[in-house]
N, C-alpha and C. Protein backbone atom coordinates (compact mmCIF):
# COMPACT_ATOMS: atom_id res chain seq x y z
N MET A 1 8.54 -126.46 54.83
CA MET A 1 8.76 -126.49 53.41
C MET A 1 9.48 -125.22 52.99
N LEU A 2 10.40 -125.31 52.06
CA LEU A 2 11.14 -124.15 51.58
C LEU A 2 10.49 -123.61 50.31
N TYR A 3 10.45 -122.27 50.22
CA TYR A 3 9.87 -121.59 49.06
C TYR A 3 10.90 -120.59 48.54
N PRO A 4 10.85 -120.27 47.23
CA PRO A 4 11.73 -119.21 46.71
C PRO A 4 11.45 -117.91 47.44
N LEU A 5 12.47 -117.08 47.57
CA LEU A 5 12.36 -115.84 48.34
C LEU A 5 11.20 -114.97 47.85
N SER A 6 10.97 -114.93 46.56
CA SER A 6 9.90 -114.09 46.02
C SER A 6 8.51 -114.59 46.44
N TYR A 7 8.37 -115.83 46.79
CA TYR A 7 7.08 -116.43 47.16
C TYR A 7 6.48 -115.75 48.39
N GLY A 8 7.29 -115.47 49.39
CA GLY A 8 6.79 -114.87 50.62
C GLY A 8 6.46 -113.40 50.47
N ARG A 9 7.01 -112.74 49.46
CA ARG A 9 6.77 -111.31 49.28
C ARG A 9 5.43 -111.03 48.63
N ARG A 10 4.92 -112.02 47.96
CA ARG A 10 3.64 -111.81 47.29
C ARG A 10 2.54 -111.79 48.34
N ALA A 11 1.67 -110.87 48.19
CA ALA A 11 0.57 -110.75 49.16
C ALA A 11 -0.43 -111.87 48.95
N GLY A 12 -1.05 -112.27 50.02
CA GLY A 12 -2.15 -113.21 49.92
C GLY A 12 -1.79 -114.67 50.04
N ARG A 13 -0.56 -115.02 50.38
CA ARG A 13 -0.22 -116.43 50.54
C ARG A 13 -0.87 -116.95 51.81
N LYS A 14 -1.54 -118.09 51.70
CA LYS A 14 -2.27 -118.63 52.83
C LYS A 14 -1.86 -120.08 53.07
N SER A 15 -1.97 -120.52 54.34
CA SER A 15 -1.68 -121.91 54.68
C SER A 15 -2.87 -122.77 54.27
N SER A 16 -2.76 -124.08 54.43
CA SER A 16 -3.84 -124.98 54.03
C SER A 16 -5.12 -124.74 54.83
N ASP A 17 -4.99 -124.17 56.04
CA ASP A 17 -6.19 -123.89 56.83
C ASP A 17 -6.70 -122.46 56.60
N GLY A 18 -6.15 -121.73 55.62
CA GLY A 18 -6.63 -120.42 55.26
C GLY A 18 -5.99 -119.26 56.01
N ARG A 19 -5.05 -119.50 56.87
CA ARG A 19 -4.42 -118.43 57.64
C ARG A 19 -3.26 -117.84 56.83
N PRO A 20 -2.95 -116.55 57.03
CA PRO A 20 -1.84 -115.95 56.28
C PRO A 20 -0.50 -116.55 56.72
N MET A 21 0.40 -116.65 55.75
CA MET A 21 1.74 -117.21 56.01
C MET A 21 2.73 -116.05 56.13
N ARG A 22 3.78 -116.23 56.93
CA ARG A 22 4.84 -115.23 57.00
C ARG A 22 6.19 -115.94 57.09
N PRO A 23 7.25 -115.30 56.59
CA PRO A 23 8.57 -115.94 56.59
C PRO A 23 9.12 -116.04 58.02
N ILE A 24 9.70 -117.20 58.34
CA ILE A 24 10.33 -117.37 59.65
C ILE A 24 11.82 -117.69 59.54
N ARG A 25 12.30 -118.07 58.37
CA ARG A 25 13.71 -118.40 58.23
C ARG A 25 14.12 -118.24 56.78
N ALA A 26 15.29 -117.68 56.56
CA ALA A 26 15.80 -117.51 55.20
C ALA A 26 17.12 -118.26 55.09
N GLY A 27 17.48 -118.65 53.89
CA GLY A 27 18.75 -119.34 53.68
C GLY A 27 19.08 -119.44 52.21
N ARG A 28 20.20 -120.08 51.93
CA ARG A 28 20.64 -120.26 50.54
C ARG A 28 20.81 -121.73 50.26
N ILE A 29 20.38 -122.12 49.07
CA ILE A 29 20.63 -123.48 48.59
C ILE A 29 21.11 -123.34 47.16
N GLY A 30 22.36 -123.66 46.92
CA GLY A 30 22.93 -123.61 45.58
C GLY A 30 22.83 -122.26 44.91
N GLY A 31 23.03 -121.18 45.64
CA GLY A 31 23.03 -119.85 45.07
C GLY A 31 21.66 -119.19 45.04
N SER A 32 20.58 -119.94 45.21
CA SER A 32 19.24 -119.36 45.25
C SER A 32 18.84 -119.12 46.69
N ARG A 33 18.15 -118.02 46.94
CA ARG A 33 17.70 -117.73 48.30
C ARG A 33 16.33 -118.33 48.52
N PHE A 34 16.12 -118.94 49.67
CA PHE A 34 14.86 -119.56 50.01
C PHE A 34 14.40 -119.07 51.37
N ILE A 35 13.11 -119.18 51.61
CA ILE A 35 12.56 -118.85 52.92
C ILE A 35 11.65 -119.98 53.38
N ARG A 36 11.46 -120.08 54.68
CA ARG A 36 10.50 -121.03 55.24
C ARG A 36 9.32 -120.20 55.74
N LEU A 37 8.12 -120.62 55.39
CA LEU A 37 6.92 -119.89 55.77
C LEU A 37 6.15 -120.68 56.82
N ALA A 38 5.48 -119.94 57.70
CA ALA A 38 4.63 -120.57 58.70
C ALA A 38 3.45 -119.66 58.98
N SER A 39 2.34 -120.27 59.34
CA SER A 39 1.19 -119.46 59.70
C SER A 39 1.35 -119.01 61.15
N ASP A 40 0.62 -117.98 61.54
CA ASP A 40 0.66 -117.50 62.91
C ASP A 40 0.24 -118.59 63.88
N ALA A 41 -0.70 -119.45 63.47
CA ALA A 41 -1.16 -120.53 64.34
C ALA A 41 -0.02 -121.50 64.63
N ASN A 42 0.79 -121.83 63.61
CA ASN A 42 1.92 -122.73 63.82
C ASN A 42 2.95 -122.10 64.75
N LEU A 43 3.19 -120.80 64.58
CA LEU A 43 4.16 -120.11 65.44
C LEU A 43 3.69 -120.09 66.88
N GLN A 44 2.38 -119.87 67.09
CA GLN A 44 1.85 -119.85 68.45
C GLN A 44 1.93 -121.24 69.06
N GLN A 45 1.66 -122.27 68.26
CA GLN A 45 1.73 -123.63 68.76
C GLN A 45 3.16 -123.97 69.17
N THR A 46 4.16 -123.58 68.38
CA THR A 46 5.56 -123.82 68.71
C THR A 46 5.95 -123.06 69.96
N ALA A 47 5.52 -121.79 70.05
CA ALA A 47 5.84 -120.99 71.23
C ALA A 47 5.19 -121.60 72.46
N GLY A 48 3.97 -122.11 72.33
CA GLY A 48 3.28 -122.71 73.46
C GLY A 48 4.00 -123.94 73.97
N MET A 49 4.65 -124.69 73.08
CA MET A 49 5.38 -125.88 73.51
C MET A 49 6.51 -125.51 74.45
N SER A 50 7.27 -124.46 74.15
CA SER A 50 8.37 -124.09 75.01
C SER A 50 7.88 -123.50 76.32
N GLU A 51 6.70 -122.83 76.30
CA GLU A 51 6.18 -122.26 77.53
C GLU A 51 5.63 -123.33 78.46
N ASP A 52 5.14 -124.45 77.91
CA ASP A 52 4.62 -125.52 78.75
C ASP A 52 5.71 -126.06 79.69
N PHE A 53 6.96 -126.09 79.24
CA PHE A 53 8.05 -126.61 80.03
C PHE A 53 8.80 -125.52 80.78
N GLY A 54 8.44 -124.28 80.57
CA GLY A 54 9.08 -123.18 81.27
C GLY A 54 10.46 -122.85 80.72
N LEU A 55 10.81 -123.38 79.56
CA LEU A 55 12.12 -123.12 78.95
C LEU A 55 11.93 -122.59 77.54
N THR A 56 12.77 -121.65 77.18
CA THR A 56 12.80 -121.23 75.79
C THR A 56 13.67 -122.22 75.04
N ARG A 57 13.63 -122.16 73.74
CA ARG A 57 14.48 -123.06 72.94
C ARG A 57 15.95 -122.83 73.26
N ARG A 58 16.33 -121.57 73.40
CA ARG A 58 17.72 -121.23 73.71
C ARG A 58 18.15 -121.83 75.05
N GLN A 59 17.27 -121.72 76.06
CA GLN A 59 17.60 -122.28 77.37
C GLN A 59 17.71 -123.80 77.30
N ALA A 60 16.80 -124.44 76.57
CA ALA A 60 16.84 -125.90 76.44
C ALA A 60 18.13 -126.35 75.76
N LEU A 61 18.55 -125.64 74.71
CA LEU A 61 19.81 -125.98 74.05
C LEU A 61 21.00 -125.76 74.98
N GLY A 62 20.94 -124.71 75.80
CA GLY A 62 22.01 -124.47 76.77
C GLY A 62 22.12 -125.59 77.78
N VAL A 63 20.97 -126.06 78.26
CA VAL A 63 20.96 -127.17 79.22
C VAL A 63 21.52 -128.43 78.55
N ALA A 64 21.11 -128.70 77.32
CA ALA A 64 21.62 -129.88 76.60
C ALA A 64 23.13 -129.80 76.41
N ALA A 65 23.63 -128.63 76.06
CA ALA A 65 25.08 -128.46 75.88
C ALA A 65 25.82 -128.66 77.20
N ALA A 66 25.25 -128.16 78.29
CA ALA A 66 25.88 -128.33 79.59
C ALA A 66 25.93 -129.80 79.98
N LEU A 67 24.84 -130.53 79.72
CA LEU A 67 24.83 -131.96 80.04
C LEU A 67 25.86 -132.72 79.22
N CYS A 68 26.01 -132.35 77.96
CA CYS A 68 27.04 -132.99 77.13
C CYS A 68 28.43 -132.68 77.68
N GLY A 69 28.64 -131.46 78.14
CA GLY A 69 29.93 -131.07 78.70
C GLY A 69 30.24 -131.85 79.97
N PHE A 70 29.23 -132.03 80.83
CA PHE A 70 29.46 -132.81 82.04
C PHE A 70 29.76 -134.27 81.71
N GLY A 71 29.09 -134.80 80.68
CA GLY A 71 29.37 -136.18 80.27
C GLY A 71 30.79 -136.32 79.75
N ALA A 72 31.26 -135.32 79.00
CA ALA A 72 32.64 -135.37 78.49
C ALA A 72 33.64 -135.29 79.64
N LEU A 73 33.35 -134.45 80.63
CA LEU A 73 34.25 -134.37 81.78
C LEU A 73 34.31 -135.69 82.53
N ALA A 74 33.15 -136.34 82.68
CA ALA A 74 33.12 -137.61 83.39
C ALA A 74 33.92 -138.66 82.62
N GLN A 75 33.85 -138.64 81.28
CA GLN A 75 34.57 -139.61 80.47
C GLN A 75 36.07 -139.32 80.44
N SER A 76 36.47 -138.05 80.61
CA SER A 76 37.89 -137.73 80.51
C SER A 76 38.66 -138.20 81.74
N GLY A 77 37.98 -138.41 82.84
CA GLY A 77 38.64 -138.92 84.04
C GLY A 77 38.95 -140.39 83.88
N SER A 78 39.76 -140.91 84.73
CA SER A 78 40.13 -142.32 84.69
C SER A 78 38.92 -143.19 85.02
N ALA A 79 38.71 -144.23 84.22
CA ALA A 79 37.59 -145.14 84.47
C ALA A 79 37.79 -145.88 85.78
N GLN A 80 39.03 -146.17 86.14
CA GLN A 80 39.29 -146.88 87.38
C GLN A 80 39.02 -145.98 88.57
N ALA A 81 39.32 -144.70 88.44
CA ALA A 81 39.10 -143.79 89.56
C ALA A 81 37.61 -143.58 89.79
N ALA A 82 36.82 -143.60 88.72
CA ALA A 82 35.39 -143.37 88.86
C ALA A 82 34.66 -144.62 89.34
N ALA A 83 35.11 -145.78 88.90
CA ALA A 83 34.44 -147.02 89.27
C ALA A 83 34.95 -147.52 90.62
N PRO A 84 34.07 -148.14 91.38
CA PRO A 84 34.54 -148.70 92.64
C PRO A 84 35.51 -149.83 92.36
N SER A 85 36.47 -150.02 93.22
CA SER A 85 37.50 -151.02 93.02
C SER A 85 36.90 -152.41 93.16
N ALA A 86 37.09 -153.24 92.14
CA ALA A 86 36.59 -154.61 92.16
C ALA A 86 37.62 -155.50 92.84
N THR A 87 37.16 -156.61 93.36
CA THR A 87 38.04 -157.57 94.03
C THR A 87 37.75 -158.96 93.51
N LEU A 88 38.81 -159.72 93.24
CA LEU A 88 38.69 -161.11 92.82
C LEU A 88 39.46 -161.95 93.82
N ARG A 89 38.78 -162.91 94.44
CA ARG A 89 39.42 -163.82 95.40
C ARG A 89 39.69 -165.14 94.69
N VAL A 90 40.96 -165.57 94.72
CA VAL A 90 41.37 -166.78 94.02
C VAL A 90 41.88 -167.80 95.03
N PRO A 91 41.09 -168.84 95.35
CA PRO A 91 41.59 -169.91 96.22
C PRO A 91 42.62 -170.73 95.44
N LEU A 92 43.86 -170.72 95.87
CA LEU A 92 44.95 -171.35 95.12
C LEU A 92 44.76 -172.86 94.99
N SER A 93 44.05 -173.47 95.93
CA SER A 93 43.84 -174.92 95.89
C SER A 93 42.99 -175.35 94.69
N LYS A 94 42.24 -174.45 94.09
CA LYS A 94 41.40 -174.77 92.93
C LYS A 94 42.19 -174.79 91.62
N TYR A 95 43.43 -174.32 91.64
CA TYR A 95 44.23 -174.22 90.41
C TYR A 95 45.53 -175.01 90.58
N PRO A 96 45.55 -176.28 90.18
CA PRO A 96 46.74 -177.12 90.35
C PRO A 96 47.99 -176.58 89.63
N ALA A 97 47.80 -175.82 88.54
CA ALA A 97 48.95 -175.27 87.82
C ALA A 97 49.74 -174.32 88.70
N LEU A 98 49.11 -173.73 89.72
CA LEU A 98 49.80 -172.78 90.60
C LEU A 98 50.55 -173.47 91.74
N ASN A 99 50.57 -174.82 91.75
CA ASN A 99 51.33 -175.55 92.77
C ASN A 99 52.82 -175.51 92.51
N ARG A 100 53.22 -175.18 91.30
CA ARG A 100 54.65 -175.13 90.95
C ARG A 100 55.04 -173.73 90.49
N VAL A 101 56.30 -173.38 90.70
CA VAL A 101 56.83 -172.10 90.24
C VAL A 101 56.81 -172.09 88.72
N GLY A 102 56.32 -171.01 88.14
CA GLY A 102 56.19 -170.90 86.69
C GLY A 102 54.81 -171.31 86.19
N GLY A 103 53.96 -171.79 87.09
CA GLY A 103 52.62 -172.20 86.70
C GLY A 103 51.74 -171.00 86.37
N ILE A 104 50.86 -171.19 85.39
CA ILE A 104 49.96 -170.13 84.95
C ILE A 104 48.52 -170.65 85.01
N ALA A 105 47.62 -169.82 85.52
CA ALA A 105 46.20 -170.19 85.57
C ALA A 105 45.33 -169.02 85.15
N MET A 106 44.32 -169.31 84.35
CA MET A 106 43.31 -168.32 84.00
C MET A 106 42.25 -168.41 85.09
N VAL A 107 42.12 -167.36 85.90
CA VAL A 107 41.34 -167.46 87.15
C VAL A 107 39.98 -166.79 87.12
N GLY A 108 39.62 -166.11 86.06
CA GLY A 108 38.31 -165.46 86.01
C GLY A 108 38.43 -164.01 85.62
N ASN A 109 37.42 -163.24 86.01
CA ASN A 109 37.36 -161.83 85.63
C ASN A 109 37.34 -160.92 86.85
N LEU A 110 38.03 -159.83 86.73
CA LEU A 110 38.00 -158.75 87.72
C LEU A 110 37.14 -157.65 87.08
N GLY A 111 35.87 -157.60 87.43
CA GLY A 111 34.93 -156.75 86.70
C GLY A 111 34.76 -157.33 85.32
N SER A 112 35.17 -156.60 84.29
CA SER A 112 35.10 -157.11 82.92
C SER A 112 36.49 -157.47 82.37
N THR A 113 37.50 -157.46 83.23
CA THR A 113 38.87 -157.74 82.80
C THR A 113 39.23 -159.19 83.09
N PRO A 114 39.55 -160.00 82.06
CA PRO A 114 39.99 -161.36 82.30
C PRO A 114 41.38 -161.35 82.95
N VAL A 115 41.58 -162.26 83.91
CA VAL A 115 42.80 -162.23 84.72
C VAL A 115 43.52 -163.58 84.65
N ALA A 116 44.84 -163.51 84.61
CA ALA A 116 45.70 -164.70 84.72
C ALA A 116 46.61 -164.51 85.94
N VAL A 117 46.90 -165.61 86.63
CA VAL A 117 47.82 -165.57 87.78
C VAL A 117 49.02 -166.44 87.44
N VAL A 118 50.20 -165.93 87.77
CA VAL A 118 51.45 -166.65 87.52
C VAL A 118 52.18 -166.79 88.85
N ARG A 119 52.65 -168.02 89.15
CA ARG A 119 53.46 -168.22 90.37
C ARG A 119 54.91 -167.97 89.98
N THR A 120 55.53 -166.96 90.60
CA THR A 120 56.90 -166.57 90.23
C THR A 120 57.95 -167.08 91.20
N ALA A 121 57.56 -167.43 92.41
CA ALA A 121 58.49 -167.97 93.42
C ALA A 121 57.66 -168.82 94.40
N ALA A 122 58.32 -169.35 95.43
CA ALA A 122 57.65 -170.26 96.37
C ALA A 122 56.39 -169.64 96.96
N SER A 123 56.42 -168.39 97.32
CA SER A 123 55.23 -167.76 97.90
C SER A 123 54.92 -166.41 97.24
N THR A 124 55.28 -166.28 95.96
CA THR A 124 55.05 -165.02 95.24
C THR A 124 54.23 -165.30 93.98
N TYR A 125 53.19 -164.50 93.79
CA TYR A 125 52.31 -164.62 92.64
C TYR A 125 52.12 -163.24 92.02
N ILE A 126 51.90 -163.21 90.71
CA ILE A 126 51.53 -161.94 90.07
C ILE A 126 50.22 -162.17 89.33
N ALA A 127 49.40 -161.14 89.31
CA ALA A 127 48.13 -161.18 88.57
C ALA A 127 48.27 -160.24 87.38
N LEU A 128 47.87 -160.73 86.21
CA LEU A 128 47.99 -159.96 84.97
C LEU A 128 46.64 -159.81 84.29
N SER A 129 46.40 -158.63 83.75
CA SER A 129 45.24 -158.43 82.89
C SER A 129 45.52 -159.16 81.59
N ARG A 130 44.55 -159.89 81.08
CA ARG A 130 44.73 -160.62 79.82
C ARG A 130 44.31 -159.79 78.61
N ILE A 131 44.12 -158.48 78.79
CA ILE A 131 43.76 -157.60 77.69
C ILE A 131 45.03 -157.09 77.02
N CYS A 132 45.16 -157.36 75.73
CA CYS A 132 46.34 -156.93 74.97
C CYS A 132 46.36 -155.40 74.88
N PRO A 133 47.49 -154.76 75.18
CA PRO A 133 47.56 -153.30 75.12
C PRO A 133 47.52 -152.73 73.69
N HIS A 134 47.65 -153.57 72.68
CA HIS A 134 47.67 -153.09 71.30
C HIS A 134 46.27 -152.86 70.74
N GLN A 135 45.44 -153.92 70.72
CA GLN A 135 44.12 -153.80 70.12
C GLN A 135 43.01 -154.27 71.05
N GLY A 136 43.31 -154.58 72.27
CA GLY A 136 42.28 -154.95 73.23
C GLY A 136 41.80 -156.38 73.14
N GLY A 137 42.51 -157.25 72.41
CA GLY A 137 42.13 -158.66 72.35
C GLY A 137 42.46 -159.36 73.66
N THR A 138 41.84 -160.50 73.90
CA THR A 138 42.12 -161.28 75.11
C THR A 138 43.21 -162.28 74.80
N VAL A 139 44.34 -162.15 75.48
CA VAL A 139 45.47 -163.04 75.25
C VAL A 139 45.20 -164.40 75.87
N ALA A 140 45.80 -165.42 75.29
CA ALA A 140 45.66 -166.79 75.79
C ALA A 140 47.03 -167.30 76.20
N GLN A 141 47.02 -168.33 77.03
CA GLN A 141 48.29 -168.93 77.43
C GLN A 141 48.89 -169.65 76.23
N SER A 142 50.19 -169.47 76.07
CA SER A 142 50.91 -170.11 74.98
C SER A 142 52.25 -170.58 75.53
N GLY A 143 52.37 -171.86 75.83
CA GLY A 143 53.59 -172.38 76.44
C GLY A 143 53.78 -171.79 77.82
N SER A 144 54.91 -171.14 78.04
CA SER A 144 55.19 -170.54 79.34
C SER A 144 54.92 -169.03 79.34
N GLY A 145 54.10 -168.56 78.38
CA GLY A 145 53.77 -167.14 78.30
C GLY A 145 52.38 -166.95 77.76
N PHE A 146 52.19 -165.84 77.04
CA PHE A 146 50.88 -165.50 76.50
C PHE A 146 51.02 -165.05 75.06
N GLN A 147 49.93 -165.22 74.26
CA GLN A 147 49.93 -164.77 72.88
C GLN A 147 48.57 -164.16 72.56
N CYS A 148 48.61 -163.06 71.80
CA CYS A 148 47.37 -162.40 71.37
C CYS A 148 46.89 -163.05 70.08
N PRO A 149 45.64 -163.48 70.00
CA PRO A 149 45.14 -164.11 68.78
C PRO A 149 44.89 -163.13 67.64
N ARG A 150 44.82 -161.84 67.92
CA ARG A 150 44.54 -160.86 66.87
C ARG A 150 45.75 -160.57 65.99
N HIS A 151 46.92 -160.42 66.60
CA HIS A 151 48.09 -160.04 65.81
C HIS A 151 49.34 -160.81 66.22
N PHE A 152 49.17 -161.84 67.03
CA PHE A 152 50.21 -162.78 67.42
C PHE A 152 51.37 -162.17 68.18
N ALA A 153 51.11 -161.10 68.92
CA ALA A 153 52.12 -160.56 69.82
C ALA A 153 52.32 -161.57 70.95
N THR A 154 53.54 -161.70 71.42
CA THR A 154 53.80 -162.65 72.51
C THR A 154 54.33 -161.89 73.73
N PHE A 155 54.01 -162.46 74.89
CA PHE A 155 54.39 -161.89 76.18
C PHE A 155 54.99 -163.00 77.03
N SER A 156 55.93 -162.64 77.88
CA SER A 156 56.53 -163.62 78.79
C SER A 156 55.54 -163.96 79.90
N SER A 157 55.92 -164.90 80.77
CA SER A 157 55.03 -165.29 81.86
C SER A 157 54.84 -164.15 82.87
N THR A 158 55.73 -163.17 82.87
CA THR A 158 55.57 -162.02 83.77
C THR A 158 54.80 -160.88 83.09
N GLY A 159 54.38 -161.08 81.83
CA GLY A 159 53.62 -160.07 81.10
C GLY A 159 54.46 -159.13 80.26
N ALA A 160 55.78 -159.29 80.28
CA ALA A 160 56.66 -158.40 79.51
C ALA A 160 56.51 -158.70 78.01
N LYS A 161 56.65 -157.66 77.18
CA LYS A 161 56.58 -157.81 75.73
C LYS A 161 57.76 -158.64 75.24
N VAL A 162 57.48 -159.63 74.40
CA VAL A 162 58.53 -160.44 73.79
C VAL A 162 58.65 -160.09 72.31
N SER A 163 57.52 -160.09 71.61
CA SER A 163 57.54 -159.75 70.18
C SER A 163 56.16 -159.28 69.75
N GLY A 164 56.12 -158.66 68.58
CA GLY A 164 54.84 -158.22 68.02
C GLY A 164 54.71 -156.71 68.01
N PRO A 165 53.57 -156.21 67.53
CA PRO A 165 53.38 -154.78 67.34
C PRO A 165 53.00 -154.01 68.62
N VAL A 166 53.05 -154.64 69.76
CA VAL A 166 52.67 -153.95 71.00
C VAL A 166 53.79 -153.03 71.47
N SER A 167 53.41 -151.98 72.20
CA SER A 167 54.40 -151.03 72.71
C SER A 167 54.71 -151.26 74.18
N SER A 168 53.90 -152.09 74.85
CA SER A 168 54.13 -152.37 76.27
C SER A 168 53.68 -153.78 76.59
N GLY A 169 53.96 -154.18 77.82
CA GLY A 169 53.56 -155.51 78.26
C GLY A 169 52.15 -155.51 78.82
N LEU A 170 51.75 -156.67 79.34
CA LEU A 170 50.43 -156.78 79.96
C LEU A 170 50.41 -156.01 81.27
N ARG A 171 49.25 -155.47 81.63
CA ARG A 171 49.12 -154.68 82.85
C ARG A 171 49.10 -155.60 84.06
N GLN A 172 49.94 -155.29 85.03
CA GLN A 172 49.98 -156.07 86.26
C GLN A 172 48.97 -155.50 87.24
N LEU A 173 48.20 -156.37 87.88
CA LEU A 173 47.17 -155.98 88.83
C LEU A 173 47.69 -156.13 90.25
N SER A 174 47.14 -155.38 91.17
CA SER A 174 47.53 -155.48 92.58
C SER A 174 47.04 -156.81 93.13
N SER A 175 47.89 -157.48 93.89
CA SER A 175 47.49 -158.75 94.50
C SER A 175 48.23 -158.94 95.81
N ARG A 176 47.59 -159.69 96.72
CA ARG A 176 48.23 -160.06 97.99
C ARG A 176 47.74 -161.44 98.39
N LEU A 177 48.60 -162.17 99.07
CA LEU A 177 48.29 -163.53 99.50
C LEU A 177 47.79 -163.50 100.94
N SER A 178 46.66 -164.14 101.19
CA SER A 178 46.09 -164.21 102.52
C SER A 178 45.48 -165.59 102.74
N ARG A 179 46.12 -166.41 103.59
CA ARG A 179 45.61 -167.75 103.93
C ARG A 179 45.29 -168.60 102.71
N ASN A 180 46.21 -168.79 101.85
CA ASN A 180 46.09 -169.65 100.67
C ASN A 180 45.04 -169.12 99.66
N THR A 181 44.72 -167.82 99.77
CA THR A 181 43.83 -167.17 98.81
C THR A 181 44.53 -165.92 98.30
N LEU A 182 44.57 -165.78 96.99
CA LEU A 182 45.16 -164.60 96.39
C LEU A 182 44.04 -163.58 96.17
N ILE A 183 44.21 -162.39 96.73
CA ILE A 183 43.20 -161.34 96.59
C ILE A 183 43.71 -160.33 95.58
N ILE A 184 42.96 -160.19 94.49
CA ILE A 184 43.37 -159.33 93.38
C ILE A 184 42.43 -158.14 93.32
N THR A 185 43.01 -156.96 93.20
CA THR A 185 42.22 -155.74 93.07
C THR A 185 42.66 -154.99 91.83
N GLY A 186 41.73 -154.19 91.29
CA GLY A 186 42.00 -153.44 90.06
C GLY A 186 42.79 -152.24 90.36
């Protein structure tokens, strides 16, 4: 509780349990000076709490700040570099649209990233992330390309930007063909 500065200077101020009060913190609120009072018993109880854990308040705050700093460093690194590489195996026989050149199939997720596969030549396929680079919406197939439902940006079948407020095309994922199965990695 905050009291006017003059309150603590008067002799004889006692806590509810009858112990003398003393100022532990001073400050200003709207031009008036205030102090916080505590009894010796409260101060000993607070001090005992920090001694139980073997840390002073200053040390505990230092540890908390260091942990926050380590968390920020971990977040500043690339999420792909920190996460193990995910793999998506796509059996081409399950997707009839991929039997012809220009065919597009929505094949599932690579981790949390929705993936589309496009057949670009007789034995060439590309895998695209379906996450729009503008606002993170999931693009859908639209004719022979893709369209974002959030802002109607359009992309070609190879993921290149065609129109809309996006600054780049869809991200192409690593893929290789092995025995009629397309293996996609992040």
